[in-house]
Amino acid sequence: MYGRLVRLSQDAVEGKEVTQEQPTVKDALDTMVKWFCILFNNQFTPDEVYDNYPADRLMHDIALALMATQTQTTEGLDTFPTIPVVQEAEQILAEAENPEVTIPQEA
């Protein structure tokens, strides 16, 4: 699925006519979630991801994991799910104002 999406996007960029069956968003997401599970050694199933992973972080974290594996910088994968940038900024500001106080991260 991923290869097919890449090929279709390359064809579109090159101006080629894309006449193949278009993948659905559902199929693409299912494939990416399965890959995400494999990346983490099947510690969880796709159903567990859909049922328990924060929906507002899922696509961001999958994209981050893809980029990290492609660039071989996987140390960034130690903390998943990630926290929203606003929450991270609030935490940094709070720690800067009072180094003894930390804001717990949401799970």
Protein backbone atom coordinates (compact mmCIF):
# COMPACT_ATOMS: atom_id res chain seq x y z
CA MET A 1 0.00 0.00 0.00
CA TYR A 2 2.74 2.48 0.95
CA GLY A 3 4.62 1.75 -2.26
CA ARG A 4 1.45 2.20 -4.26
CA LEU A 5 0.77 5.56 -2.60
CA VAL A 6 4.32 6.72 -3.30
CA ARG A 7 4.08 5.61 -6.93
CA LEU A 8 0.73 7.37 -7.40
CA SER A 9 2.05 10.58 -5.86
CA GLN A 10 5.17 10.46 -8.06
CA ASP A 11 3.02 9.95 -11.14
CA ALA A 12 0.87 12.92 -10.17
CA VAL A 13 3.94 15.13 -9.61
CA GLU A 14 5.35 14.12 -13.00
CA GLY A 15 2.04 14.98 -14.65
CA LYS A 16 1.28 11.43 -15.66
CA GLU A 17 -2.32 10.35 -15.93
CA VAL A 18 -3.34 8.32 -12.90
CA THR A 19 -5.89 5.82 -14.12
CA GLN A 20 -5.33 3.07 -11.57
CA GLU A 21 -7.81 2.35 -8.84
CA GLN A 22 -7.39 5.05 -6.22
CA PRO A 23 -6.60 3.83 -2.72
CA THR A 24 -9.05 4.84 -0.05
CA VAL A 25 -8.07 6.79 3.03
CA LYS A 26 -9.28 3.86 5.14
CA ASP A 27 -7.01 1.40 3.32
CA ALA A 28 -4.04 3.73 3.59
CA LEU A 29 -4.63 4.34 7.30
CA ASP A 30 -5.06 0.63 8.00
CA THR A 31 -1.76 -0.08 6.25
CA MET A 32 0.05 2.64 8.18
CA VAL A 33 -1.38 1.46 11.52
CA LYS A 34 -0.28 -2.11 10.75
CA TRP A 35 3.20 -0.81 9.95
CA PHE A 36 3.20 1.19 13.20
CA CYS A 37 2.40 -2.00 15.13
CA ILE A 38 5.19 -3.89 13.35
CA LEU A 39 7.63 -1.05 14.07
CA PHE A 40 7.00 -1.53 17.78
CA ASN A 41 7.41 -5.31 17.51
CA ASN A 42 3.66 -6.00 17.68
CA GLN A 43 3.41 -4.87 21.30
CA PHE A 44 -0.15 -3.91 20.39
CA THR A 45 -2.64 -4.75 17.66
CA PRO A 46 -4.20 -2.38 15.11
CA ASP A 47 -7.48 -2.67 17.04
CA GLU A 48 -5.71 -1.60 20.24
CA VAL A 49 -4.23 1.38 18.41
CA TYR A 50 -7.63 2.44 17.10
CA ASP A 51 -9.28 1.90 20.50
CA ASN A 52 -6.64 3.41 22.79
CA TYR A 53 -4.22 5.70 20.93
CA PRO A 54 -5.03 9.43 21.16
CA ALA A 55 -6.82 10.14 17.90
CA ASP A 56 -5.43 13.66 17.67
CA ARG A 57 -1.85 12.28 17.79
CA LEU A 58 -2.13 9.15 15.64
CA MET A 59 -1.28 10.53 12.19
CA HIS A 60 1.35 12.88 13.62
CA ASP A 61 3.07 10.03 15.44
CA ILE A 62 2.92 7.68 12.44
CA ALA A 63 4.45 10.40 10.25
CA LEU A 64 7.11 11.06 12.90
CA ALA A 65 7.90 7.34 13.11
CA LEU A 66 8.17 7.14 9.30
CA MET A 67 10.56 10.07 9.17
CA ALA A 68 12.62 8.73 12.08
CA THR A 69 13.05 5.32 10.48
CA GLN A 70 13.81 6.78 7.05
CA THR A 71 16.49 9.06 8.48
CA GLN A 72 17.70 6.48 11.01
CA THR A 73 17.08 8.81 13.93
CA THR A 74 14.91 6.47 15.94
CA GLU A 75 15.86 7.79 19.38
CA GLY A 76 12.89 10.12 18.95
CA LEU A 77 10.58 7.11 19.14
CA ASP A 78 11.21 6.59 22.85
CA THR A 79 8.18 8.61 23.95
CA PHE A 80 4.92 7.73 22.24
CA PRO A 81 2.27 9.01 22.11
CA THR A 82 3.78 12.43 21.72
CA ILE A 83 2.27 15.41 23.48
CA PRO A 84 0.83 18.39 21.60
CA VAL A 85 3.25 21.26 20.99
CA VAL A 86 1.17 23.67 23.08
CA GLN A 87 1.32 21.37 26.09
CA GLU A 88 5.06 20.85 25.62
CA ALA A 89 5.61 24.64 25.43
CA GLU A 90 3.57 25.16 28.62
CA GLN A 91 5.68 22.53 30.36
CA ILE A 92 8.95 24.17 29.25
CA LEU A 93 7.76 27.60 30.38
CA ALA A 94 6.58 26.28 33.75
CA GLU A 95 9.91 24.52 34.33
CA ALA A 96 11.83 27.67 33.35
CA GLU A 97 9.86 29.78 35.83
CA ASN A 98 10.13 27.25 38.63
CA PRO A 99 12.63 24.43 38.04
CA GLU A 100 11.24 22.43 40.97
CA VAL A 101 7.76 22.16 39.44
CA THR A 102 7.03 19.83 36.54
CA ILE A 103 3.76 19.38 34.71
CA PRO A 104 2.93 15.69 34.22
CA GLN A 105 2.52 14.58 30.62
CA GLU A 106 -0.83 13.19 29.58
CA ALA A 107 -0.83 9.53 28.64
